N, C-alpha and C. Protein backbone atom coordinates (compact mmCIF):
# COMPACT_ATOMS: atom_id res chain seq x y z
N MET A 1 77.31 78.64 157.17
CA MET A 1 77.87 77.83 155.68
C MET A 1 79.00 76.89 155.77
N GLU A 2 79.36 76.42 154.71
CA GLU A 2 80.34 74.92 155.20
C GLU A 2 81.88 75.98 154.11
N ILE A 3 81.15 76.53 153.53
CA ILE A 3 82.23 77.46 152.47
C ILE A 3 82.48 78.57 153.21
N VAL A 4 82.07 79.18 154.08
CA VAL A 4 82.88 80.21 155.59
C VAL A 4 84.16 79.55 156.04
N LYS A 5 83.61 78.00 156.52
CA LYS A 5 84.85 77.65 157.37
C LYS A 5 85.46 77.64 156.71
N HIS A 6 86.12 77.71 155.74
CA HIS A 6 87.02 76.92 154.52
C HIS A 6 87.80 78.57 153.80
N ASN A 7 87.23 79.88 154.74
CA ASN A 7 87.06 81.20 154.02
C ASN A 7 86.82 81.90 155.08
N ASN A 8 87.47 82.16 156.27
CA ASN A 8 87.00 83.04 157.08
C ASN A 8 86.08 84.43 156.24
N ALA A 9 86.69 85.23 154.99
CA ALA A 9 86.71 86.13 154.54
C ALA A 9 85.68 85.95 153.37
N LEU A 10 84.68 86.08 153.95
CA LEU A 10 84.08 85.65 152.31
C LEU A 10 83.20 86.35 151.13
N SER A 11 83.81 87.65 151.60
CA SER A 11 84.10 88.55 150.41
C SER A 11 84.88 88.62 150.24
N LYS A 12 85.82 87.70 150.20
CA LYS A 12 87.55 87.72 149.54
C LYS A 12 87.15 86.97 148.51
N LEU A 13 86.29 85.83 148.42
CA LEU A 13 86.31 85.80 146.91
C LEU A 13 85.16 86.54 146.39
N MET A 14 84.45 87.72 146.76
CA MET A 14 84.05 88.39 145.44
C MET A 14 85.04 89.31 145.21
N GLN A 15 85.95 90.10 145.98
CA GLN A 15 87.12 90.68 145.68
C GLN A 15 88.64 90.75 144.24
N ALA A 16 88.50 89.01 144.79
CA ALA A 16 89.41 88.45 143.87
C ALA A 16 89.33 88.68 142.23
N GLU A 17 90.20 88.17 141.83
CA GLU A 17 90.45 88.72 140.14
C GLU A 17 89.91 87.29 139.51
N LYS A 18 89.49 87.84 138.42
CA LYS A 18 88.26 87.09 137.81
C LYS A 18 88.78 86.16 137.31
N ILE A 19 88.63 84.90 136.63
CA ILE A 19 89.95 84.12 135.33
C ILE A 19 89.81 84.95 134.49
N SER A 20 88.18 85.96 133.78
CA SER A 20 88.44 86.82 132.71
C SER A 20 89.04 87.67 132.91
N ALA A 21 89.97 88.00 134.12
CA ALA A 21 90.81 89.18 133.73
C ALA A 21 92.10 88.88 133.53
N VAL A 22 91.96 87.11 133.97
CA VAL A 22 93.96 86.79 133.97
C VAL A 22 94.17 86.46 132.43
N VAL A 23 92.51 85.56 132.00
CA VAL A 23 92.75 85.28 130.22
C VAL A 23 92.84 86.86 129.59
N GLN A 24 92.50 87.72 130.24
CA GLN A 24 92.80 89.11 128.62
C GLN A 24 93.97 89.28 129.32
N ARG A 25 94.92 89.14 129.81
CA ARG A 25 96.19 89.85 130.89
C ARG A 25 96.76 88.92 130.25
N GLU A 26 97.71 87.57 130.48
CA GLU A 26 97.87 86.15 130.24
C GLU A 26 97.66 85.42 129.32
N GLY A 27 96.51 85.99 128.68
CA GLY A 27 96.10 84.48 127.35
C GLY A 27 95.71 83.41 127.96
N MET A 28 94.45 82.73 127.22
CA MET A 28 93.92 81.34 127.57
C MET A 28 95.07 79.85 127.75
N LYS A 29 95.99 80.10 127.16
CA LYS A 29 97.06 79.24 127.35
C LYS A 29 97.84 78.96 127.99
N ALA A 30 97.87 80.81 128.80
CA ALA A 30 98.85 80.47 129.84
C ALA A 30 98.44 80.35 131.23
N THR A 31 96.66 80.60 131.44
CA THR A 31 95.92 80.95 132.13
C THR A 31 95.16 79.19 132.61
N LYS A 32 95.29 78.80 131.36
CA LYS A 32 95.21 77.28 131.66
C LYS A 32 96.05 76.39 131.96
N LYS A 33 97.09 77.08 132.10
CA LYS A 33 98.19 76.45 132.45
C LYS A 33 99.22 76.50 134.30
N MET A 34 98.45 78.09 134.03
CA MET A 34 98.11 78.65 136.08
C MET A 34 97.57 78.08 136.61
N LEU A 35 97.10 77.89 136.24
CA LEU A 35 95.01 76.85 137.15
C LEU A 35 95.75 75.40 136.69
N HIS A 36 96.28 75.30 136.01
CA HIS A 36 96.24 73.64 136.17
C HIS A 36 97.46 72.93 137.15
N ALA A 37 98.49 74.01 137.15
CA ALA A 37 99.72 73.69 137.92
C ALA A 37 99.15 73.81 139.67
N LEU A 38 98.18 75.09 139.79
CA LEU A 38 97.46 75.61 141.19
C LEU A 38 96.94 74.36 141.30
N MET A 39 95.60 73.99 140.92
CA MET A 39 95.52 72.65 141.52
C MET A 39 95.71 71.32 141.50
N PHE A 40 97.00 70.87 140.84
CA PHE A 40 97.93 69.66 140.79
C PHE A 40 98.91 69.57 141.57
N LYS A 41 99.28 70.76 142.39
CA LYS A 41 99.73 71.11 143.71
C LYS A 41 98.64 70.45 144.65
N ARG A 42 97.85 70.95 144.28
CA ARG A 42 96.61 70.60 145.97
C ARG A 42 96.06 69.42 145.39
N LEU A 43 95.76 68.80 144.48
CA LEU A 43 94.77 67.30 144.10
C LEU A 43 96.32 65.95 143.21
N ASN A 44 97.46 66.63 143.20
CA ASN A 44 97.91 65.17 142.80
C ASN A 44 97.52 63.73 142.94
N THR A 45 97.64 63.81 144.21
CA THR A 45 97.84 62.53 145.13
C THR A 45 96.39 62.08 145.19
N MET A 46 95.13 62.94 144.56
CA MET A 46 93.64 62.58 144.48
C MET A 46 93.69 62.16 143.16
N ALA A 47 93.73 62.92 142.20
CA ALA A 47 93.23 63.21 140.80
C ALA A 47 94.40 63.05 139.92
N GLU A 48 94.36 61.98 138.26
CA GLU A 48 95.13 61.90 137.48
C GLU A 48 95.42 63.86 137.37
N GLU A 49 96.41 63.66 135.86
CA GLU A 49 96.92 65.21 136.31
C GLU A 49 95.91 65.30 134.66
N GLU A 50 96.14 64.28 134.10
CA GLU A 50 94.41 64.68 132.37
C GLU A 50 93.28 64.78 132.84
N SER A 51 93.03 64.40 134.41
CA SER A 51 91.76 64.98 134.62
C SER A 51 91.59 66.37 135.04
N ILE A 52 92.65 66.84 135.95
CA ILE A 52 92.66 68.46 136.18
C ILE A 52 92.79 68.96 135.28
N ALA A 53 93.74 68.48 134.09
CA ALA A 53 93.80 69.35 132.88
C ALA A 53 92.20 69.50 131.87
N LEU A 54 91.31 68.50 132.03
CA LEU A 54 89.36 68.56 131.55
C LEU A 54 89.20 69.73 132.62
N PHE A 55 89.27 69.79 133.10
CA PHE A 55 88.31 69.93 134.58
C PHE A 55 89.00 71.70 134.44
N VAL A 56 89.99 72.10 134.66
CA VAL A 56 90.79 73.09 134.12
C VAL A 56 90.27 74.15 132.91
N GLY A 57 89.72 73.26 132.02
CA GLY A 57 89.76 73.57 130.25
C GLY A 57 88.49 74.23 130.68
N SER A 58 87.34 73.13 131.22
CA SER A 58 86.14 73.72 131.54
C SER A 58 85.95 74.59 132.04
N VAL A 59 86.57 74.82 133.17
CA VAL A 59 86.50 75.99 134.11
C VAL A 59 86.82 77.56 133.10
N THR A 60 88.02 77.17 132.66
CA THR A 60 88.43 78.75 132.05
C THR A 60 87.90 78.94 131.06
N GLU A 61 86.80 78.88 130.51
CA GLU A 61 86.16 78.42 129.58
C GLU A 61 84.51 78.81 129.76
N MET A 62 84.00 77.95 130.84
CA MET A 62 82.77 78.57 131.08
C MET A 62 82.41 78.74 132.82
N PHE A 63 83.68 79.12 133.37
CA PHE A 63 83.20 79.51 134.28
C PHE A 63 84.04 81.09 134.70
N ASP A 64 84.49 81.87 133.69
CA ASP A 64 85.48 82.91 134.16
C ASP A 64 85.47 83.85 134.49
N GLY A 65 83.73 83.86 134.86
CA GLY A 65 83.53 85.14 135.97
C GLY A 65 84.07 84.84 137.74
N GLU A 66 84.18 83.21 137.87
CA GLU A 66 84.39 82.63 138.96
C GLU A 66 86.46 83.06 138.70
N SER A 67 87.16 83.09 140.47
CA SER A 67 88.52 83.38 140.88
C SER A 67 89.14 82.32 140.78
N PRO A 68 90.74 82.53 140.64
CA PRO A 68 91.75 81.18 141.07
C PRO A 68 91.22 80.94 142.39
N GLU A 69 90.87 82.17 143.57
CA GLU A 69 90.41 81.64 144.70
C GLU A 69 89.58 80.87 145.25
N ASP A 70 88.67 81.17 143.82
CA ASP A 70 87.72 79.67 143.89
C ASP A 70 88.36 78.19 144.34
N LEU A 71 89.56 78.02 142.91
CA LEU A 71 89.63 76.48 142.71
C LEU A 71 90.17 76.28 144.50
N ILE A 72 91.35 77.48 145.05
CA ILE A 72 91.58 76.69 145.89
C ILE A 72 90.97 76.04 146.93
N VAL A 73 89.62 76.75 147.33
CA VAL A 73 88.68 76.83 148.61
C VAL A 73 88.21 75.79 148.23
N PHE A 74 88.21 75.57 146.86
CA PHE A 74 87.30 74.34 146.17
C PHE A 74 88.11 73.01 146.46
N CYS A 75 89.37 72.71 146.28
CA CYS A 75 90.29 71.89 146.84
C CYS A 75 90.36 71.74 148.38
N LYS A 76 90.88 72.64 148.81
CA LYS A 76 90.28 72.44 150.29
C LYS A 76 88.57 71.69 150.65
N MET A 77 87.86 71.99 150.32
CA MET A 77 86.66 71.36 150.59
C MET A 77 86.81 69.71 150.05
N ILE A 78 87.31 69.45 148.71
CA ILE A 78 87.75 68.19 148.61
C ILE A 78 88.25 67.69 149.43
N HIS A 79 89.25 67.66 149.78
CA HIS A 79 90.17 66.98 150.58
C HIS A 79 89.53 67.46 151.79
N ALA A 80 88.34 68.22 152.53
CA ALA A 80 88.01 68.01 153.89
C ALA A 80 86.04 67.00 153.47
N GLY A 81 87.06 66.34 152.14
CA GLY A 81 85.07 65.29 152.46
C GLY A 81 84.35 66.58 152.05
N ARG A 82 83.85 67.36 152.04
CA ARG A 82 82.41 68.04 151.84
C ARG A 82 81.49 67.64 150.48
N PHE A 83 82.45 66.67 149.86
CA PHE A 83 81.21 66.44 149.00
C PHE A 83 81.79 65.28 148.22
N GLY A 84 81.99 64.36 149.41
CA GLY A 84 81.55 62.97 149.55
C GLY A 84 82.51 62.08 149.49
N LYS A 85 83.36 61.31 149.52
CA LYS A 85 84.34 60.11 149.94
C LYS A 85 85.03 60.36 148.22
N ALA A 86 85.88 60.01 148.20
CA ALA A 86 86.84 59.77 147.11
C ALA A 86 86.70 58.61 146.53
N TYR A 87 86.79 57.40 145.70
CA TYR A 87 86.98 55.91 145.91
C TYR A 87 87.95 56.11 144.92
N GLY A 88 89.67 56.17 144.47
CA GLY A 88 90.29 55.88 143.28
C GLY A 88 90.63 57.22 143.29
N LYS A 89 90.72 57.32 142.28
CA LYS A 89 91.17 59.19 141.55
C LYS A 89 90.01 59.26 141.26
N LEU A 90 90.00 60.65 141.36
CA LEU A 90 88.72 61.30 140.81
C LEU A 90 89.38 61.93 139.37
N ASP A 91 87.75 62.02 138.65
CA ASP A 91 87.80 61.66 136.87
C ASP A 91 87.60 63.36 137.21
N SER A 92 87.31 63.49 135.93
CA SER A 92 87.09 65.33 135.66
C SER A 92 85.73 65.20 135.37
N ALA A 93 84.90 64.15 135.58
CA ALA A 93 83.56 64.05 135.74
C ALA A 93 82.52 64.40 136.93
N THR A 94 83.81 63.49 138.13
CA THR A 94 83.46 64.21 139.46
C THR A 94 84.02 65.43 139.76
N LEU A 95 84.81 66.15 139.33
CA LEU A 95 85.67 66.84 139.93
C LEU A 95 84.46 68.47 139.59
N GLY A 96 83.64 67.91 137.97
CA GLY A 96 82.86 69.25 137.43
C GLY A 96 81.35 68.68 138.09
N THR A 97 81.21 67.74 138.79
CA THR A 97 79.51 67.40 139.55
C THR A 97 80.03 68.02 140.91
N TRP A 98 81.47 68.39 141.52
CA TRP A 98 81.23 68.90 142.68
C TRP A 98 81.33 70.02 142.85
N TRP A 99 81.89 70.96 141.74
CA TRP A 99 82.71 72.09 141.57
C TRP A 99 81.14 72.58 141.27
N GLY A 100 80.08 72.05 140.83
CA GLY A 100 78.64 72.57 140.41
C GLY A 100 78.35 72.29 142.30
N GLU A 101 78.45 71.84 143.08
CA GLU A 101 77.98 71.84 144.15
C GLU A 101 78.55 72.88 144.75
N TYR A 102 79.81 72.76 144.56
CA TYR A 102 80.45 74.56 145.60
C TYR A 102 80.13 75.36 144.89
N LEU A 103 79.54 76.06 143.52
CA LEU A 103 79.26 77.25 143.49
C LEU A 103 77.74 77.31 144.61
N ASP A 104 77.33 75.95 143.95
CA ASP A 104 75.63 76.51 145.15
C ASP A 104 76.00 76.47 146.27
N LYS A 105 77.00 76.16 147.31
CA LYS A 105 77.70 76.17 148.45
C LYS A 105 77.30 77.91 148.56
N LYS A 106 78.58 78.10 147.33
CA LYS A 106 78.59 79.66 147.78
C LYS A 106 78.13 80.72 147.34
N TYR A 107 77.51 80.52 146.30
CA TYR A 107 76.13 81.52 146.09
C TYR A 107 75.18 81.66 147.10
N GLU A 108 75.08 80.20 147.74
CA GLU A 108 73.90 80.23 148.91
C GLU A 108 74.50 81.24 150.01
N ALA A 109 75.52 81.01 150.32
CA ALA A 109 76.37 81.82 151.17
C ALA A 109 75.69 83.14 150.79
N LEU A 110 76.41 83.93 149.79
CA LEU A 110 76.41 85.14 149.63
C LEU A 110 75.35 85.81 149.59
N GLU A 111 74.06 84.71 149.20
CA GLU A 111 73.11 85.31 149.33
C GLU A 111 72.67 85.60 150.61
N GLN A 112 72.56 84.52 151.86
CA GLN A 112 72.88 84.83 153.40
C GLN A 112 73.17 86.13 153.66
N ALA A 113 74.32 86.10 153.25
CA ALA A 113 75.54 87.13 153.76
C ALA A 113 74.76 88.62 153.71
N ARG A 114 74.16 88.63 152.59
CA ARG A 114 73.42 90.05 151.73
C ARG A 114 71.70 89.92 152.60
N ILE A 115 71.63 88.98 152.54
CA ILE A 115 69.82 89.44 153.53
C ILE A 115 70.48 89.59 155.01
N LYS A 116 71.30 89.11 155.83
CA LYS A 116 71.99 90.03 157.21
C LYS A 116 71.61 91.15 157.15
N GLU A 117 73.16 91.17 155.88
CA GLU A 117 73.30 92.37 156.17
C GLU A 117 72.26 93.80 155.56
N ASN A 118 71.40 93.14 154.45
CA ASN A 118 70.09 94.29 154.36
C ASN A 118 69.12 94.46 155.19
N SER A 119 69.35 93.28 156.79
CA SER A 119 68.61 93.03 157.46
C SER A 119 69.02 94.20 158.81
N GLN A 120 70.35 93.62 158.81
CA GLN A 120 71.10 94.53 160.02
C GLN A 120 70.81 97.01 159.40
N TYR A 121 71.06 96.50 157.97
CA TYR A 121 70.67 98.01 158.08
C TYR A 121 70.00 98.90 157.71
N LYS A 122 68.43 98.02 157.61
CA LYS A 122 67.28 98.44 157.98
C LYS A 122 66.97 98.23 159.73
N ASP A 123 67.29 97.22 160.27
CA ASP A 123 67.68 97.87 162.27
C ASP A 123 67.58 98.86 162.08
N LYS A 124 69.39 99.18 161.59
CA LYS A 124 69.57 100.42 162.08
C LYS A 124 69.05 101.20 161.77
N ARG A 125 68.55 101.73 160.36
CA ARG A 125 67.80 103.10 159.91
C ARG A 125 66.33 102.99 161.31
N VAL A 126 65.55 102.02 161.59
CA VAL A 126 64.28 101.95 161.78
C VAL A 126 64.75 102.66 163.42
N ASN A 127 65.96 102.19 164.06
CA ASN A 127 66.32 102.62 165.18
C ASN A 127 67.08 104.01 165.00
N TYR A 128 67.63 104.55 164.50
CA TYR A 128 67.89 105.68 164.04
C TYR A 128 66.80 107.19 163.76
N LEU A 129 65.86 106.09 163.07
CA LEU A 129 64.87 107.79 162.39
C LEU A 129 63.90 107.30 163.63
N ASP A 130 64.26 106.08 164.56
CA ASP A 130 62.41 106.30 166.37
C ASP A 130 63.10 107.07 166.73
N ALA A 131 64.81 107.53 167.09
CA ALA A 131 65.27 107.73 167.93
C ALA A 131 65.23 109.69 167.54
N LYS A 132 65.43 109.66 166.12
CA LYS A 132 65.09 111.36 165.50
C LYS A 132 63.46 111.81 165.29
N CYS A 133 62.39 110.90 165.99
CA CYS A 133 60.97 110.91 165.95
C CYS A 133 60.61 111.66 166.76
N THR A 134 61.68 111.56 167.68
CA THR A 134 61.41 111.81 169.22
C THR A 134 61.97 113.15 170.00
N ASP A 135 62.81 113.26 168.90
CA ASP A 135 63.98 114.27 169.18
C ASP A 135 63.86 115.70 168.42
N GLU A 136 62.90 116.85 169.82
CA GLU A 136 61.94 117.85 169.00
C GLU A 136 63.26 118.89 168.37
N ASN A 137 64.38 118.24 168.15
CA ASN A 137 65.42 119.15 167.28
C ASN A 137 65.69 118.58 166.04
N SER A 138 64.38 117.58 165.79
CA SER A 138 64.85 117.20 164.31
C SER A 138 63.65 116.97 163.56
N PRO A 139 63.90 117.55 162.27
CA PRO A 139 63.02 118.21 161.01
C PRO A 139 61.67 116.41 161.25
N TYR A 140 62.20 115.49 161.86
CA TYR A 140 61.51 114.37 161.83
C TYR A 140 60.54 114.43 163.21
N TYR A 141 60.35 115.14 163.77
CA TYR A 141 59.53 115.16 165.40
C TYR A 141 58.56 115.49 165.18
N GLY A 142 57.51 114.33 165.95
CA GLY A 142 55.97 114.14 165.41
C GLY A 142 55.70 113.41 164.78
N LYS A 143 56.53 113.03 163.60
CA LYS A 143 55.73 111.75 162.74
C LYS A 143 56.49 110.50 163.17
N THR A 144 55.69 109.61 162.34
CA THR A 144 56.01 108.19 163.13
C THR A 144 56.99 108.08 161.94
N VAL A 145 57.83 106.37 162.05
CA VAL A 145 59.07 105.67 161.20
C VAL A 145 58.24 105.76 160.50
N SER A 146 57.31 105.42 160.53
CA SER A 146 56.70 104.58 158.83
C SER A 146 56.11 106.18 157.80
N ASP A 147 55.83 107.05 158.27
CA ASP A 147 55.42 108.10 158.00
C ASP A 147 56.92 108.10 157.20
N VAL A 148 58.00 108.57 157.81
CA VAL A 148 59.26 109.18 157.62
C VAL A 148 59.49 108.60 156.70
N LEU A 149 60.04 106.64 155.92
CA LEU A 149 60.39 106.04 155.24
C LEU A 149 59.14 105.81 153.57
N LYS A 150 58.38 106.61 154.44
CA LYS A 150 57.26 106.59 152.99
C LYS A 150 58.01 107.43 152.22
N GLU A 151 58.41 108.66 152.90
CA GLU A 151 58.63 109.99 152.47
C GLU A 151 59.71 109.68 151.54
N ALA A 152 60.76 108.97 152.17
CA ALA A 152 61.72 109.02 151.66
C ALA A 152 62.08 108.19 150.33
N VAL A 153 61.24 107.23 150.74
CA VAL A 153 60.92 106.29 148.91
C VAL A 153 60.00 106.82 148.35
N GLU A 154 59.12 108.02 148.12
CA GLU A 154 58.36 109.02 147.65
C GLU A 154 59.97 109.04 146.78
N GLU A 155 60.14 110.68 147.87
CA GLU A 155 61.40 111.16 147.03
C GLU A 155 62.44 110.34 146.57
N GLU A 156 62.97 108.93 146.74
CA GLU A 156 63.71 108.21 145.91
C GLU A 156 62.43 107.99 144.79
N LYS A 157 61.80 108.24 144.49
CA LYS A 157 60.98 108.33 142.93
C LYS A 157 61.57 109.30 142.02
N LYS A 158 61.25 110.63 143.03
CA LYS A 158 61.21 111.54 142.45
C LYS A 158 62.55 111.76 142.22
N GLU A 159 63.76 111.28 142.94
CA GLU A 159 65.34 111.34 142.58
C GLU A 159 64.96 111.06 140.67
N GLU A 160 64.58 109.73 141.01
CA GLU A 160 64.57 108.79 140.00
C GLU A 160 64.08 109.52 139.00
N ILE A 161 63.44 110.27 139.05
CA ILE A 161 62.56 110.95 137.89
C ILE A 161 63.52 111.89 136.80
N ARG A 162 63.61 112.83 138.75
CA ARG A 162 64.14 113.67 138.31
C ARG A 162 65.72 113.25 137.24
N ASN A 163 66.09 112.50 137.33
CA ASN A 163 67.65 112.02 137.06
C ASN A 163 67.65 111.14 134.98
N ARG A 164 66.14 110.86 135.26
CA ARG A 164 65.90 110.00 133.57
C ARG A 164 65.45 111.64 133.40
N GLU A 165 64.59 112.84 133.53
CA GLU A 165 64.93 113.48 132.69
C GLU A 165 65.95 114.53 132.35
N ALA A 166 66.89 114.20 133.35
CA ALA A 166 67.88 114.98 133.06
C ALA A 166 69.18 114.17 131.87
N LYS A 167 69.09 112.32 132.45
CA LYS A 167 70.02 111.63 130.92
C LYS A 167 68.44 111.92 129.61
N LYS A 168 67.70 112.35 129.49
CA LYS A 168 67.08 112.55 128.10
C LYS A 168 67.37 113.69 127.58
N GLN A 169 67.42 114.94 128.46
CA GLN A 169 67.99 116.10 128.14
C GLN A 169 69.04 115.87 127.80
N GLU A 170 70.15 115.56 128.41
CA GLU A 170 71.67 115.29 127.92
C GLU A 170 72.00 114.63 126.34
N GLY A 171 70.34 113.40 126.56
CA GLY A 171 70.72 113.13 125.16
C GLY A 171 70.11 113.66 124.04
N TYR A 172 69.07 114.35 124.14
CA TYR A 172 68.71 115.23 123.42
C TYR A 172 69.45 116.43 122.65
N GLU A 173 70.40 117.20 123.59
CA GLU A 173 71.41 118.22 123.72
C GLU A 173 72.63 117.05 122.61
N THR A 174 72.92 116.12 122.98
CA THR A 174 74.07 114.97 122.49
C THR A 174 73.45 115.30 120.60
N LEU A 175 72.37 114.42 120.89
CA LEU A 175 71.61 114.78 119.38
C LEU A 175 71.56 115.98 118.31
N CYS A 176 71.25 117.26 119.51
CA CYS A 176 70.93 118.32 118.19
C CYS A 176 72.34 118.41 117.78
N LYS A 177 73.29 118.32 118.97
CA LYS A 177 74.99 118.40 118.15
C LYS A 177 75.61 117.76 117.04
N TYR A 178 75.21 116.65 116.77
CA TYR A 178 75.37 115.82 116.13
C TYR A 178 74.77 116.52 114.79
N ILE A 179 73.78 116.58 115.21
CA ILE A 179 72.77 116.47 113.38
C ILE A 179 73.88 117.99 112.95
N GLN A 180 73.76 119.27 113.71
CA GLN A 180 74.04 120.51 114.05
C GLN A 180 75.32 120.40 113.01
N GLU A 181 77.20 119.82 113.77
CA GLU A 181 77.85 119.05 113.21
C GLU A 181 78.37 118.43 112.23
N ASN A 182 77.23 117.59 111.95
CA ASN A 182 77.35 116.80 110.81
C ASN A 182 75.60 116.67 109.61
N LEU A 183 75.50 118.04 109.78
CA LEU A 183 74.44 118.50 108.70
C LEU A 183 74.25 118.29 107.14
N GLU A 184 75.81 118.87 107.03
CA GLU A 184 76.10 118.48 105.63
C GLU A 184 76.23 117.12 104.90
N TYR A 185 76.67 116.37 105.91
CA TYR A 185 76.05 115.02 105.64
C TYR A 185 74.93 114.56 105.50
N PHE A 186 74.06 114.18 105.59
CA PHE A 186 72.64 114.39 105.50
C PHE A 186 72.18 114.45 104.35
N THR A 187 71.30 114.16 103.97
CA THR A 187 70.25 113.71 102.31
C THR A 187 69.42 114.53 102.27
N ASP A 188 69.01 114.94 101.48
CA ASP A 188 67.55 116.01 101.61
C ASP A 188 66.21 115.79 102.06
N ALA A 189 66.54 114.57 102.18
CA ALA A 189 64.62 113.71 102.56
C ALA A 189 64.77 113.31 104.64
N GLU A 190 66.53 113.35 104.63
CA GLU A 190 66.85 113.35 106.02
C GLU A 190 66.18 114.61 106.32
N VAL A 191 66.61 115.31 106.05
CA VAL A 191 66.46 117.18 106.54
C VAL A 191 65.24 117.34 107.00
N ILE A 192 64.71 116.66 105.50
CA ILE A 192 63.58 116.83 105.95
C ILE A 192 62.28 116.21 106.55
N ASN A 193 62.98 114.76 106.65
CA ASN A 193 62.59 114.32 107.96
C ASN A 193 62.73 114.85 109.16
N LEU A 194 63.77 115.14 109.15
CA LEU A 194 64.23 115.68 111.00
C LEU A 194 63.28 117.51 110.88
N ARG A 195 62.94 118.36 110.36
CA ARG A 195 62.44 119.45 110.77
C ARG A 195 61.16 118.89 110.78
N GLY A 196 60.26 117.98 109.91
CA GLY A 196 59.16 117.59 110.37
C GLY A 196 58.65 116.53 112.04
N GLN A 197 59.53 116.41 111.74
CA GLN A 197 59.78 115.38 113.37
C GLN A 197 59.85 116.73 114.47
N PHE A 198 60.98 117.75 114.39
CA PHE A 198 60.73 118.91 115.50
C PHE A 198 59.75 119.74 115.18
N LEU A 199 58.68 120.31 113.93
CA LEU A 199 57.57 120.31 114.10
C LEU A 199 56.29 120.00 114.29
N SER A 200 56.61 118.52 114.47
CA SER A 200 55.39 117.79 115.27
C SER A 200 55.44 117.43 116.47
N ARG A 201 57.12 117.62 117.09
CA ARG A 201 56.54 118.23 118.36
C ARG A 201 57.28 117.02 119.18
N MET A 202 58.04 115.88 118.14
CA MET A 202 58.15 114.77 118.71
C MET A 202 59.99 115.66 119.34
N PHE A 203 60.12 116.32 118.98
CA PHE A 203 61.02 117.23 119.19
C PHE A 203 61.12 118.96 120.26
N THR A 204 61.30 119.07 120.50
CA THR A 204 60.73 120.47 120.37
C THR A 204 62.04 121.73 120.98
N ASP A 205 62.18 122.22 119.82
CA ASP A 205 63.14 122.88 119.60
C ASP A 205 63.42 124.02 119.05
N ASP A 206 62.33 125.70 118.65
CA ASP A 206 62.91 126.52 118.24
C ASP A 206 64.00 126.57 117.13
N ASP A 207 65.44 126.92 117.97
CA ASP A 207 66.66 127.02 117.32
C ASP A 207 66.53 125.68 116.35
N MET A 208 66.26 124.60 116.51
CA MET A 208 66.22 123.55 115.22
C MET A 208 65.64 123.56 114.48
N ILE A 209 64.38 123.45 114.45
CA ILE A 209 63.76 123.71 113.33
C ILE A 209 64.65 125.37 112.47
N LYS A 210 64.08 126.28 113.08
CA LYS A 210 65.38 127.62 112.03
C LYS A 210 66.88 127.05 111.66
N VAL A 211 67.49 125.96 112.20
CA VAL A 211 69.09 125.60 111.57
C VAL A 211 68.16 124.48 110.44
N LEU A 212 67.45 123.92 110.56
CA LEU A 212 66.94 122.56 109.77
C LEU A 212 66.10 123.42 108.31
N THR A 213 65.32 124.30 108.50
CA THR A 213 64.61 125.19 108.05
C THR A 213 66.06 126.16 106.61
N ASP A 214 66.50 127.03 107.62
CA ASP A 214 67.35 127.51 106.91
C ASP A 214 68.63 126.11 105.70
N GLU A 215 68.42 125.46 106.31
CA GLU A 215 69.41 124.26 105.70
C GLU A 215 68.45 124.08 104.45
N MET A 216 67.31 123.50 104.31
CA MET A 216 66.63 123.04 103.15
C MET A 216 66.77 124.39 102.28
N GLU A 217 66.57 125.86 102.75
CA GLU A 217 65.91 127.17 102.06
C GLU A 217 67.52 126.74 101.31
N ARG A 218 69.08 126.49 101.85
CA ARG A 218 70.23 127.14 101.12
C ARG A 218 70.50 125.70 100.05
N ARG A 219 69.62 124.46 100.17
CA ARG A 219 69.94 123.42 99.35
C ARG A 219 69.07 124.07 98.09
N GLY A 220 67.18 124.66 98.51
CA GLY A 220 66.68 125.18 97.73
C GLY A 220 65.51 123.88 97.97
N ILE A 221 65.38 123.16 98.67
CA ILE A 221 63.97 121.77 98.59
C ILE A 221 63.22 122.59 99.86
């Protein structure tokens, strides 16, 4: 991809600090000033200062998920003529159009890198399992790679269910703790409704049913 030729480490773009983080730290005005200086230094012979200022303003406010590093690579690609030839000074509209093309190239390159990485990982995993299936000392011995992968998928599903149940239980315990700690602030109607929910097995907890029943008796409701 063209973008890689101008930035050998594609991951550097993804690891670079985002414009949004710079804005949060330095403020919007200071960030625009910094990005304006960054671009003007690289494009002062190709674009009017006002056009750069308008473009930087738009990027800072609308593309804060990108990074200052992106603007540096963008400028390099402009100088290399990757978006076409400039006739006269570049205006903000042209910069905006080329910026869109840059982002298309960037995310296409990232997607291709992701696909390649996944493919390499899959190949390594299959080769590893293939060796294990023919190793008499391996628990996978005698199985096919397909069977092992299928078992792995099933185990992942079971693990997902276990995690989901654990989070559900954690949420339930948090709810019970909240009710007990704030019971005095609940209205009579809310206490009756909560007890009804526990009795109807929307929640199942004998201890909580007793807590709410005792509270109703204390209130005389």
